[in-house]
Full PDB file with SEQRES, HELIX, SHEET, SSBOND, CRYST1, ORIGX, SCALE, CONECT and MASTER records, all heavy atoms in Angstrom:
SEQRES   1 A   41  LEU LEU GLY GLN GLY LEU ASN LEU VAL THR GLY ASP TYR          
SEQRES   2 A   41  SER ARG GLY ALA ALA GLY TYR TRP VAL GLU ASN GLY GLU          
SEQRES   3 A   41  ILE ALA TYR PRO VAL GLU GLU VAL THR ILE ALA GLY ASN          
SEQRES   4 A   41  LEU ARG                                                      
SHEET    1 AA1 2 ASP A  12  GLU A  23  0                                        
SHEET    2 AA1 2 GLU A  26  ASN A  39 -1                                        
CRYST1    1.000    1.000    1.000  90.00  90.00  90.00 P 1           1          
ORIGX1      1.000000  0.000000  0.000000        0.00000                         
ORIGX2      0.000000  1.000000  0.000000        0.00000                         
ORIGX3      0.000000  0.000000  1.000000        0.00000                         
SCALE1      1.000000  0.000000  0.000000        0.00000                         
SCALE2      0.000000  1.000000  0.000000        0.00000                         
SCALE3      0.000000  0.000000  1.000000        0.00000                         
ATOM      1  N   LEU A   1      -1.856   5.048  -5.466  1.00  0.00           N  
ATOM      2  CA  LEU A   1      -2.536   3.776  -5.272  1.00  0.00           C  
ATOM      3  C   LEU A   1      -3.129   3.309  -6.590  1.00  0.00           C  
ATOM      4  O   LEU A   1      -3.614   4.121  -7.390  1.00  0.00           O  
ATOM      5  CB  LEU A   1      -3.646   3.900  -4.228  1.00  0.00           C  
ATOM      6  CG  LEU A   1      -3.183   4.104  -2.778  1.00  0.00           C  
ATOM      7  CD1 LEU A   1      -4.358   4.447  -1.887  1.00  0.00           C  
ATOM      8  CD2 LEU A   1      -2.463   2.876  -2.256  1.00  0.00           C  
ATOM      9  N   LEU A   2      -3.122   1.997  -6.808  1.00  0.00           N  
ATOM     10  CA  LEU A   2      -3.602   1.414  -8.052  1.00  0.00           C  
ATOM     11  C   LEU A   2      -4.613   0.321  -7.735  1.00  0.00           C  
ATOM     12  O   LEU A   2      -4.519  -0.356  -6.716  1.00  0.00           O  
ATOM     13  CB  LEU A   2      -2.440   0.818  -8.852  1.00  0.00           C  
ATOM     14  CG  LEU A   2      -1.243   1.746  -9.103  1.00  0.00           C  
ATOM     15  CD1 LEU A   2      -0.047   0.948  -9.600  1.00  0.00           C  
ATOM     16  CD2 LEU A   2      -1.620   2.826 -10.106  1.00  0.00           C  
ATOM     17  N   GLY A   3      -5.583   0.146  -8.626  1.00  0.00           N  
ATOM     18  CA  GLY A   3      -6.539  -0.933  -8.447  1.00  0.00           C  
ATOM     19  C   GLY A   3      -7.629  -0.598  -7.442  1.00  0.00           C  
ATOM     20  O   GLY A   3      -7.629   0.452  -6.808  1.00  0.00           O  
ATOM     21  N   GLN A   4      -8.561  -1.535  -7.298  1.00  0.00           N  
ATOM     22  CA  GLN A   4      -9.736  -1.329  -6.438  1.00  0.00           C  
ATOM     23  C   GLN A   4      -9.904  -2.496  -5.476  1.00  0.00           C  
ATOM     24  O   GLN A   4     -10.991  -3.015  -5.306  1.00  0.00           O  
ATOM     25  CB  GLN A   4     -10.986  -1.168  -7.321  1.00  0.00           C  
ATOM     26  CG  GLN A   4     -10.919  -0.032  -8.302  1.00  0.00           C  
ATOM     27  CD  GLN A   4     -10.841   1.317  -7.634  1.00  0.00           C  
ATOM     28  OE1 GLN A   4     -11.437   1.536  -6.585  1.00  0.00           O  
ATOM     29  NE2 GLN A   4     -10.112   2.247  -8.228  1.00  0.00           N  
ATOM     30  N   GLY A   5      -8.847  -2.940  -4.841  1.00  0.00           N  
ATOM     31  CA  GLY A   5      -8.882  -4.136  -4.007  1.00  0.00           C  
ATOM     32  C   GLY A   5      -9.488  -3.917  -2.641  1.00  0.00           C  
ATOM     33  O   GLY A   5      -8.764  -3.888  -1.641  1.00  0.00           O  
ATOM     34  N   LEU A   6     -10.801  -3.786  -2.574  1.00  0.00           N  
ATOM     35  CA  LEU A   6     -11.477  -3.596  -1.296  1.00  0.00           C  
ATOM     36  C   LEU A   6     -12.735  -4.439  -1.254  1.00  0.00           C  
ATOM     37  O   LEU A   6     -13.560  -4.384  -2.154  1.00  0.00           O  
ATOM     38  CB  LEU A   6     -11.851  -2.121  -1.088  1.00  0.00           C  
ATOM     39  CG  LEU A   6     -12.763  -1.817   0.105  1.00  0.00           C  
ATOM     40  CD1 LEU A   6     -12.068  -2.170   1.408  1.00  0.00           C  
ATOM     41  CD2 LEU A   6     -13.207  -0.371   0.103  1.00  0.00           C  
ATOM     42  N   ASN A   7     -12.885  -5.235  -0.197  1.00  0.00           N  
ATOM     43  CA  ASN A   7     -14.113  -5.973   0.064  1.00  0.00           C  
ATOM     44  C   ASN A   7     -14.810  -5.266   1.212  1.00  0.00           C  
ATOM     45  O   ASN A   7     -14.405  -5.389   2.372  1.00  0.00           O  
ATOM     46  CB  ASN A   7     -13.798  -7.427   0.415  1.00  0.00           C  
ATOM     47  CG  ASN A   7     -15.056  -8.267   0.590  1.00  0.00           C  
ATOM     48  OD1 ASN A   7     -16.100  -7.773   1.025  1.00  0.00           O  
ATOM     49  ND2 ASN A   7     -14.963  -9.545   0.250  1.00  0.00           N  
ATOM     50  N   LEU A   8     -15.858  -4.509   0.910  1.00  0.00           N  
ATOM     51  CA  LEU A   8     -16.510  -3.694   1.927  1.00  0.00           C  
ATOM     52  C   LEU A   8     -17.248  -4.550   2.960  1.00  0.00           C  
ATOM     53  O   LEU A   8     -17.458  -4.119   4.092  1.00  0.00           O  
ATOM     54  CB  LEU A   8     -17.491  -2.717   1.267  1.00  0.00           C  
ATOM     55  CG  LEU A   8     -17.869  -1.473   2.081  1.00  0.00           C  
ATOM     56  CD1 LEU A   8     -16.645  -0.623   2.366  1.00  0.00           C  
ATOM     57  CD2 LEU A   8     -18.914  -0.656   1.340  1.00  0.00           C  
ATOM     58  N   VAL A   9     -17.605  -5.766   2.580  1.00  0.00           N  
ATOM     59  CA  VAL A   9     -18.321  -6.641   3.514  1.00  0.00           C  
ATOM     60  C   VAL A   9     -17.397  -7.129   4.617  1.00  0.00           C  
ATOM     61  O   VAL A   9     -17.761  -7.154   5.797  1.00  0.00           O  
ATOM     62  CB  VAL A   9     -18.953  -7.831   2.769  1.00  0.00           C  
ATOM     63  CG1 VAL A   9     -19.627  -8.776   3.753  1.00  0.00           C  
ATOM     64  CG2 VAL A   9     -19.955  -7.341   1.730  1.00  0.00           C  
ATOM     65  N   THR A  10     -16.180  -7.506   4.253  1.00  0.00           N  
ATOM     66  CA  THR A  10     -15.236  -8.045   5.233  1.00  0.00           C  
ATOM     67  C   THR A  10     -14.232  -7.010   5.731  1.00  0.00           C  
ATOM     68  O   THR A  10     -13.615  -7.196   6.779  1.00  0.00           O  
ATOM     69  CB  THR A  10     -14.451  -9.216   4.627  1.00  0.00           C  
ATOM     70  OG1 THR A  10     -13.650  -8.731   3.521  1.00  0.00           O  
ATOM     71  CG2 THR A  10     -15.403 -10.299   4.116  1.00  0.00           C  
ATOM     72  N   GLY A  11     -14.029  -5.938   4.943  1.00  0.00           N  
ATOM     73  CA  GLY A  11     -13.014  -4.949   5.277  1.00  0.00           C  
ATOM     74  C   GLY A  11     -11.643  -5.297   4.736  1.00  0.00           C  
ATOM     75  O   GLY A  11     -10.684  -4.540   4.938  1.00  0.00           O  
ATOM     76  N   ASP A  12     -11.517  -6.422   4.032  1.00  0.00           N  
ATOM     77  CA  ASP A  12     -10.220  -6.795   3.470  1.00  0.00           C  
ATOM     78  C   ASP A  12      -9.782  -5.776   2.425  1.00  0.00           C  
ATOM     79  O   ASP A  12     -10.564  -5.388   1.551  1.00  0.00           O  
ATOM     80  CB  ASP A  12     -10.283  -8.192   2.854  1.00  0.00           C  
ATOM     81  CG  ASP A  12     -10.414  -9.288   3.907  1.00  0.00           C  
ATOM     82  OD1 ASP A  12     -10.008  -9.049   5.052  1.00  0.00           O  
ATOM     83  OD2 ASP A  12     -10.940 -10.366   3.573  1.00  0.00           O  
ATOM     84  N   TYR A  13      -8.519  -5.383   2.502  1.00  0.00           N  
ATOM     85  CA  TYR A  13      -8.002  -4.255   1.718  1.00  0.00           C  
ATOM     86  C   TYR A  13      -6.680  -4.657   1.092  1.00  0.00           C  
ATOM     87  O   TYR A  13      -5.771  -5.146   1.786  1.00  0.00           O  
ATOM     88  CB  TYR A  13      -7.822  -3.072   2.659  1.00  0.00           C  
ATOM     89  CG  TYR A  13      -7.133  -1.842   2.107  1.00  0.00           C  
ATOM     90  CD1 TYR A  13      -7.866  -0.792   1.568  1.00  0.00           C  
ATOM     91  CD2 TYR A  13      -5.750  -1.698   2.158  1.00  0.00           C  
ATOM     92  CE1 TYR A  13      -7.249   0.355   1.093  1.00  0.00           C  
ATOM     93  CE2 TYR A  13      -5.115  -0.563   1.686  1.00  0.00           C  
ATOM     94  CZ  TYR A  13      -5.872   0.464   1.154  1.00  0.00           C  
ATOM     95  OH  TYR A  13      -5.252   1.604   0.692  1.00  0.00           O  
ATOM     96  N   SER A  14      -6.555  -4.472  -0.228  1.00  0.00           N  
ATOM     97  CA  SER A  14      -5.309  -4.770  -0.934  1.00  0.00           C  
ATOM     98  C   SER A  14      -5.219  -3.851  -2.144  1.00  0.00           C  
ATOM     99  O   SER A  14      -6.070  -3.900  -3.030  1.00  0.00           O  
ATOM    100  CB  SER A  14      -5.287  -6.236  -1.373  1.00  0.00           C  
ATOM    101  OG  SER A  14      -4.104  -6.527  -2.083  1.00  0.00           O  
ATOM    102  N   ARG A  15      -4.191  -3.010  -2.174  1.00  0.00           N  
ATOM    103  CA  ARG A  15      -4.059  -2.035  -3.259  1.00  0.00           C  
ATOM    104  C   ARG A  15      -2.636  -2.038  -3.794  1.00  0.00           C  
ATOM    105  O   ARG A  15      -1.660  -2.104  -3.026  1.00  0.00           O  
ATOM    106  CB  ARG A  15      -4.376  -0.621  -2.761  1.00  0.00           C  
ATOM    107  CG  ARG A  15      -5.759  -0.409  -2.188  1.00  0.00           C  
ATOM    108  CD  ARG A  15      -6.858  -0.391  -3.239  1.00  0.00           C  
ATOM    109  NE  ARG A  15      -6.651   0.599  -4.254  1.00  0.00           N  
ATOM    110  CZ  ARG A  15      -7.054   1.876  -4.175  1.00  0.00           C  
ATOM    111  NH1 ARG A  15      -7.663   2.294  -3.079  1.00  0.00           N  
ATOM    112  NH2 ARG A  15      -6.850   2.707  -5.168  1.00  0.00           N  
ATOM    113  N   GLY A  16      -2.503  -1.956  -5.112  1.00  0.00           N  
ATOM    114  CA  GLY A  16      -1.195  -1.713  -5.693  1.00  0.00           C  
ATOM    115  C   GLY A  16      -0.734  -0.322  -5.290  1.00  0.00           C  
ATOM    116  O   GLY A  16      -1.548   0.594  -5.144  1.00  0.00           O  
ATOM    117  N   ALA A  17       0.574  -0.147  -5.099  1.00  0.00           N  
ATOM    118  CA  ALA A  17       1.073   1.126  -4.596  1.00  0.00           C  
ATOM    119  C   ALA A  17       2.440   1.456  -5.169  1.00  0.00           C  
ATOM    120  O   ALA A  17       3.184   0.581  -5.628  1.00  0.00           O  
ATOM    121  CB  ALA A  17       1.154   1.099  -3.065  1.00  0.00           C  
ATOM    122  N   ALA A  18       2.749   2.736  -5.141  1.00  0.00           N  
ATOM    123  CA  ALA A  18       4.084   3.238  -5.496  1.00  0.00           C  
ATOM    124  C   ALA A  18       4.395   4.389  -4.559  1.00  0.00           C  
ATOM    125  O   ALA A  18       3.486   5.015  -3.994  1.00  0.00           O  
ATOM    126  CB  ALA A  18       4.129   3.692  -6.955  1.00  0.00           C  
ATOM    127  N   GLY A  19       5.652   4.665  -4.376  1.00  0.00           N  
ATOM    128  CA  GLY A  19       6.037   5.749  -3.479  1.00  0.00           C  
ATOM    129  C   GLY A  19       7.514   5.720  -3.179  1.00  0.00           C  
ATOM    130  O   GLY A  19       8.334   5.576  -4.099  1.00  0.00           O  
ATOM    131  N   TYR A  20       7.868   5.776  -1.897  1.00  0.00           N  
ATOM    132  CA  TYR A  20       9.273   5.883  -1.500  1.00  0.00           C  
ATOM    133  C   TYR A  20       9.519   5.074  -0.229  1.00  0.00           C  
ATOM    134  O   TYR A  20       8.687   5.071   0.682  1.00  0.00           O  
ATOM    135  CB  TYR A  20       9.648   7.345  -1.242  1.00  0.00           C  
ATOM    136  CG  TYR A  20       9.400   8.229  -2.451  1.00  0.00           C  
ATOM    137  CD1 TYR A  20       8.149   8.802  -2.664  1.00  0.00           C  
ATOM    138  CD2 TYR A  20      10.390   8.449  -3.394  1.00  0.00           C  
ATOM    139  CE1 TYR A  20       7.901   9.580  -3.779  1.00  0.00           C  
ATOM    140  CE2 TYR A  20      10.155   9.227  -4.517  1.00  0.00           C  
ATOM    141  CZ  TYR A  20       8.910   9.790  -4.705  1.00  0.00           C  
ATOM    142  OH  TYR A  20       8.666  10.553  -5.818  1.00  0.00           O  
ATOM    143  N   TRP A  21      10.678   4.395  -0.194  1.00  0.00           N  
ATOM    144  CA  TRP A  21      11.079   3.738   1.032  1.00  0.00           C  
ATOM    145  C   TRP A  21      11.793   4.762   1.916  1.00  0.00           C  
ATOM    146  O   TRP A  21      12.600   5.548   1.444  1.00  0.00           O  
ATOM    147  CB  TRP A  21      11.984   2.544   0.770  1.00  0.00           C  
ATOM    148  CG  TRP A  21      12.282   1.805   2.036  1.00  0.00           C  
ATOM    149  CD1 TRP A  21      13.437   1.789   2.740  1.00  0.00           C  
ATOM    150  CD2 TRP A  21      11.358   1.009   2.771  1.00  0.00           C  
ATOM    151  NE1 TRP A  21      13.308   1.027   3.872  1.00  0.00           N  
ATOM    152  CE2 TRP A  21      12.030   0.531   3.922  1.00  0.00           C  
ATOM    153  CE3 TRP A  21      10.022   0.648   2.576  1.00  0.00           C  
ATOM    154  CZ2 TRP A  21      11.408  -0.274   4.869  1.00  0.00           C  
ATOM    155  CZ3 TRP A  21       9.411  -0.165   3.510  1.00  0.00           C  
ATOM    156  CH2 TRP A  21      10.096  -0.620   4.643  1.00  0.00           C  
ATOM    157  N   VAL A  22      11.447   4.751   3.177  1.00  0.00           N  
ATOM    158  CA  VAL A  22      11.983   5.711   4.135  1.00  0.00           C  
ATOM    159  C   VAL A  22      12.826   4.975   5.175  1.00  0.00           C  
ATOM    160  O   VAL A  22      12.404   3.938   5.708  1.00  0.00           O  
ATOM    161  CB  VAL A  22      10.831   6.481   4.822  1.00  0.00           C  
ATOM    162  CG1 VAL A  22      11.364   7.413   5.900  1.00  0.00           C  
ATOM    163  CG2 VAL A  22      10.023   7.262   3.786  1.00  0.00           C  
ATOM    164  N   GLU A  23      14.019   5.496   5.432  1.00  0.00           N  
ATOM    165  CA  GLU A  23      14.905   4.949   6.463  1.00  0.00           C  
ATOM    166  C   GLU A  23      15.318   6.070   7.405  1.00  0.00           C  
ATOM    167  O   GLU A  23      15.705   7.154   6.953  1.00  0.00           O  
ATOM    168  CB  GLU A  23      16.165   4.323   5.847  1.00  0.00           C  
ATOM    169  CG  GLU A  23      15.919   3.038   5.081  1.00  0.00           C  
ATOM    170  CD  GLU A  23      15.697   1.840   5.998  1.00  0.00           C  
ATOM    171  OE1 GLU A  23      15.790   2.014   7.238  1.00  0.00           O  
ATOM    172  OE2 GLU A  23      15.404   0.741   5.484  1.00  0.00           O  
ATOM    173  N   ASN A  24      15.214   5.803   8.696  1.00  0.00           N  
ATOM    174  CA  ASN A  24      15.619   6.781   9.709  1.00  0.00           C  
ATOM    175  C   ASN A  24      14.982   8.153   9.486  1.00  0.00           C  
ATOM    176  O   ASN A  24      15.620   9.195   9.660  1.00  0.00           O  
ATOM    177  CB  ASN A  24      17.150   6.909   9.744  1.00  0.00           C  
ATOM    178  CG  ASN A  24      17.811   5.585  10.097  1.00  0.00           C  
ATOM    179  OD1 ASN A  24      17.361   4.871  10.993  1.00  0.00           O  
ATOM    180  ND2 ASN A  24      18.878   5.255   9.375  1.00  0.00           N  
ATOM    181  N   GLY A  25      13.724   8.131   9.053  1.00  0.00           N  
ATOM    182  CA  GLY A  25      12.974   9.367   8.898  1.00  0.00           C  
ATOM    183  C   GLY A  25      13.265  10.154   7.644  1.00  0.00           C  
ATOM    184  O   GLY A  25      12.772  11.279   7.500  1.00  0.00           O  
ATOM    185  N   GLU A  26      14.025   9.595   6.715  1.00  0.00           N  
ATOM    186  CA  GLU A  26      14.344  10.297   5.472  1.00  0.00           C  
ATOM    187  C   GLU A  26      14.089   9.388   4.273  1.00  0.00           C  
ATOM    188  O   GLU A  26      14.295   8.168   4.353  1.00  0.00           O  
ATOM    189  CB  GLU A  26      15.801  10.775   5.472  1.00  0.00           C  
ATOM    190  CG  GLU A  26      16.096  11.822   6.542  1.00  0.00           C  
ATOM    191  CD  GLU A  26      17.501  12.388   6.414  1.00  0.00           C  
ATOM    192  OE1 GLU A  26      18.262  11.891   5.555  1.00  0.00           O  
ATOM    193  OE2 GLU A  26      17.825  13.314   7.172  1.00  0.00           O  
ATOM    194  N   ILE A  27      13.672   9.986   3.164  1.00  0.00           N  
ATOM    195  CA  ILE A  27      13.419   9.217   1.950  1.00  0.00           C  
ATOM    196  C   ILE A  27      14.733   8.635   1.444  1.00  0.00           C  
ATOM    197  O   ILE A  27      15.715   9.357   1.241  1.00  0.00           O  
ATOM    198  CB  ILE A  27      12.755  10.097   0.880  1.00  0.00           C  
ATOM    199  CG1 ILE A  27      11.327  10.445   1.306  1.00  0.00           C  
ATOM    200  CG2 ILE A  27      12.743   9.387  -0.475  1.00  0.00           C  
ATOM    201  CD1 ILE A  27      10.613  11.404   0.377  1.00  0.00           C  
ATOM    202  N   ALA A  28      14.747   7.295   1.245  1.00  0.00           N  
ATOM    203  CA  ALA A  28      15.954   6.615   0.786  1.00  0.00           C  
ATOM    204  C   ALA A  28      15.949   6.409  -0.729  1.00  0.00           C  
ATOM    205  O   ALA A  28      16.950   6.687  -1.401  1.00  0.00           O  
ATOM    206  CB  ALA A  28      16.092   5.273   1.501  1.00  0.00           C  
ATOM    207  N   TYR A  29      14.829   5.935  -1.290  1.00  0.00           N  
ATOM    208  CA  TYR A  29      14.751   5.693  -2.730  1.00  0.00           C  
ATOM    209  C   TYR A  29      13.296   5.456  -3.116  1.00  0.00           C  
ATOM    210  O   TYR A  29      12.470   5.066  -2.271  1.00  0.00           O  
ATOM    211  CB  TYR A  29      15.607   4.492  -3.146  1.00  0.00           C  
ATOM    212  CG  TYR A  29      15.375   3.243  -2.328  1.00  0.00           C  
ATOM    213  CD1 TYR A  29      14.322   2.368  -2.610  1.00  0.00           C  
ATOM    214  CD2 TYR A  29      16.222   2.924  -1.267  1.00  0.00           C  
ATOM    215  CE1 TYR A  29      14.112   1.224  -1.861  1.00  0.00           C  
ATOM    216  CE2 TYR A  29      16.014   1.779  -0.506  1.00  0.00           C  
ATOM    217  CZ  TYR A  29      14.971   0.928  -0.809  1.00  0.00           C  
ATOM    218  OH  TYR A  29      14.764  -0.199  -0.064  1.00  0.00           O  
ATOM    219  N   PRO A  30      12.958   5.683  -4.401  1.00  0.00           N  
ATOM    220  CA  PRO A  30      11.585   5.432  -4.863  1.00  0.00           C  
ATOM    221  C   PRO A  30      11.307   3.939  -4.977  1.00  0.00           C  
ATOM    222  O   PRO A  30      12.220   3.128  -5.197  1.00  0.00           O  
ATOM    223  CB  PRO A  30      11.537   6.120  -6.228  1.00  0.00           C  
ATOM    224  CG  PRO A  30      12.951   6.204  -6.674  1.00  0.00           C  
ATOM    225  CD  PRO A  30      13.800   6.301  -5.446  1.00  0.00           C  
ATOM    226  N   VAL A  31      10.049   3.571  -4.828  1.00  0.00           N  
ATOM    227  CA  VAL A  31       9.613   2.172  -4.840  1.00  0.00           C  
ATOM    228  C   VAL A  31       8.445   2.021  -5.807  1.00  0.00           C  
ATOM    229  O   VAL A  31       7.593   2.907  -5.911  1.00  0.00           O  
ATOM    230  CB  VAL A  31       9.170   1.744  -3.422  1.00  0.00           C  
ATOM    231  CG1 VAL A  31       8.509   0.374  -3.445  1.00  0.00           C  
ATOM    232  CG2 VAL A  31      10.359   1.749  -2.480  1.00  0.00           C  
ATOM    233  N   GLU A  32       8.414   0.903  -6.515  1.00  0.00           N  
ATOM    234  CA  GLU A  32       7.303   0.620  -7.418  1.00  0.00           C  
ATOM    235  C   GLU A  32       6.904  -0.849  -7.320  1.00  0.00           C  
ATOM    236  O   GLU A  32       7.609  -1.664  -6.736  1.00  0.00           O  
ATOM    237  CB  GLU A  32       7.683   0.960  -8.861  1.00  0.00           C  
ATOM    238  CG  GLU A  32       8.815   0.111  -9.413  1.00  0.00           C  
ATOM    239  CD  GLU A  32       9.193   0.464 -10.840  1.00  0.00           C  
ATOM    240  OE1 GLU A  32       8.512   1.319 -11.444  1.00  0.00           O  
ATOM    241  OE2 GLU A  32      10.163  -0.126 -11.353  1.00  0.00           O  
ATOM    242  N   GLU A  33       5.751  -1.159  -7.884  1.00  0.00           N  
ATOM    243  CA  GLU A  33       5.246  -2.528  -8.006  1.00  0.00           C  
ATOM    244  C   GLU A  33       5.187  -3.252  -6.668  1.00  0.00           C  
ATOM    245  O   GLU A  33       5.712  -4.354  -6.499  1.00  0.00           O  
ATOM    246  CB  GLU A  33       6.079  -3.318  -9.023  1.00  0.00           C  
ATOM    247  CG  GLU A  33       5.980  -2.769 -10.430  1.00  0.00           C  
ATOM    248  CD  GLU A  33       6.764  -3.603 -11.441  1.00  0.00           C  
ATOM    249  OE1 GLU A  33       7.044  -4.783 -11.146  1.00  0.00           O  
ATOM    250  OE2 GLU A  33       7.081  -3.067 -12.503  1.00  0.00           O  
ATOM    251  N   VAL A  34       4.537  -2.628  -5.703  1.00  0.00           N  
ATOM    252  CA  VAL A  34       4.285  -3.284  -4.426  1.00  0.00           C  
ATOM    253  C   VAL A  34       2.785  -3.275  -4.169  1.00  0.00           C  
ATOM    254  O   VAL A  34       2.028  -2.529  -4.799  1.00  0.00           O  
ATOM    255  CB  VAL A  34       5.019  -2.593  -3.250  1.00  0.00           C  
ATOM    256  CG1 VAL A  34       6.523  -2.672  -3.441  1.00  0.00           C  
ATOM    257  CG2 VAL A  34       4.561  -1.146  -3.098  1.00  0.00           C  
ATOM    258  N   THR A  35       2.375  -4.087  -3.246  1.00  0.00           N  
ATOM    259  CA  THR A  35       0.974  -4.131  -2.806  1.00  0.00           C  
ATOM    260  C   THR A  35       0.937  -3.927  -1.301  1.00  0.00           C  
ATOM    261  O   THR A  35       1.728  -4.529  -0.571  1.00  0.00           O  
ATOM    262  CB  THR A  35       0.333  -5.485  -3.166  1.00  0.00           C  
ATOM    263  OG1 THR A  35       0.368  -5.667  -4.577  1.00  0.00           O  
ATOM    264  CG2 THR A  35      -1.111  -5.539  -2.691  1.00  0.00           C  
ATOM    265  N   ILE A  36       0.056  -3.053  -0.859  1.00  0.00           N  
ATOM    266  CA  ILE A  36      -0.143  -2.887   0.584  1.00  0.00           C  
ATOM    267  C   ILE A  36      -1.478  -3.518   0.946  1.00  0.00           C  
ATOM    268  O   ILE A  36      -2.462  -3.380   0.221  1.00  0.00           O  
ATOM    269  CB  ILE A  36      -0.092  -1.403   1.002  1.00  0.00           C  
ATOM    270  CG1 ILE A  36      -1.102  -0.554   0.223  1.00  0.00           C  
ATOM    271  CG2 ILE A  36       1.316  -0.844   0.809  1.00  0.00           C  
ATOM    272  CD1 ILE A  36      -1.174   0.895   0.701  1.00  0.00           C  
ATOM    273  N   ALA A  37      -1.484  -4.252   2.064  1.00  0.00           N  
ATOM    274  CA  ALA A  37      -2.677  -5.030   2.392  1.00  0.00           C  
ATOM    275  C   ALA A  37      -2.906  -5.062   3.893  1.00  0.00           C  
ATOM    276  O   ALA A  37      -1.999  -4.856   4.701  1.00  0.00           O  
ATOM    277  CB  ALA A  37      -2.544  -6.453   1.848  1.00  0.00           C  
ATOM    278  N   GLY A  38      -4.159  -5.341   4.253  1.00  0.00           N  
ATOM    279  CA  GLY A  38      -4.561  -5.471   5.643  1.00  0.00           C  
ATOM    280  C   GLY A  38      -6.069  -5.524   5.698  1.00  0.00           C  
ATOM    281  O   GLY A  38      -6.737  -5.708   4.683  1.00  0.00           O  
ATOM    282  N   ASN A  39      -6.616  -5.362   6.875  1.00  0.00           N  
ATOM    283  CA  ASN A  39      -8.059  -5.247   7.035  1.00  0.00           C  
ATOM    284  C   ASN A  39      -8.359  -3.846   7.536  1.00  0.00           C  
ATOM    285  O   ASN A  39      -7.659  -3.326   8.409  1.00  0.00           O  
ATOM    286  CB  ASN A  39      -8.590  -6.286   8.018  1.00  0.00           C  
ATOM    287  CG  ASN A  39     -10.104  -6.300   8.076  1.00  0.00           C  
ATOM    288  OD1 ASN A  39     -10.711  -5.477   8.763  1.00  0.00           O  
ATOM    289  ND2 ASN A  39     -10.723  -7.227   7.345  1.00  0.00           N  
ATOM    290  N   LEU A  40      -9.390  -3.224   6.975  1.00  0.00           N  
ATOM    291  CA  LEU A  40      -9.662  -1.828   7.327  1.00  0.00           C  
ATOM    292  C   LEU A  40      -9.943  -1.638   8.816  1.00  0.00           C  
ATOM    293  O   LEU A  40      -9.651  -0.573   9.361  1.00  0.00           O  
ATOM    294  CB  LEU A  40     -10.835  -1.294   6.495  1.00  0.00           C  
ATOM    295  CG  LEU A  40     -10.496  -0.940   5.037  1.00  0.00           C  
ATOM    296  CD1 LEU A  40     -11.757  -0.499   4.299  1.00  0.00           C  
ATOM    297  CD2 LEU A  40      -9.434   0.146   4.954  1.00  0.00           C  
ATOM    298  N   ARG A  41     -10.481  -2.644   9.487  1.00  0.00           N  
ATOM    299  CA  ARG A  41     -10.648  -2.511  10.929  1.00  0.00           C  
ATOM    300  C   ARG A  41      -9.308  -2.233  11.598  1.00  0.00           C  
ATOM    301  O   ARG A  41      -9.180  -1.334  12.439  1.00  0.00           O  
ATOM    302  CB  ARG A  41     -11.247  -3.794  11.513  1.00  0.00           C  
ATOM    303  CG  ARG A  41     -12.708  -4.028  11.199  1.00  0.00           C  
ATOM    304  CD  ARG A  41     -13.191  -5.268  11.932  1.00  0.00           C  
ATOM    305  NE  ARG A  41     -14.551  -5.612  11.583  1.00  0.00           N  
ATOM    306  CZ  ARG A  41     -15.631  -5.110  12.150  1.00  0.00           C  
ATOM    307  NH1 ARG A  41     -15.497  -4.212  13.110  1.00  0.00           N  
ATOM    308  NH2 ARG A  41     -16.840  -5.489  11.784  1.00  0.00           N  
TER     309      ARG A  41                                                      
MASTER        0    0    0    0    2    0    0    6  308    1    0    4          
END                                                                             
């Protein structure tokens, strides 16, 4: 995870991320330069 994208007052969450894309339960390929986001609730 990269960056500090969290608003503790609202729960809004957005972080840079790297890892792997998974298909049918198996790792398919590595992934970079994505952001995962949502609300912590």
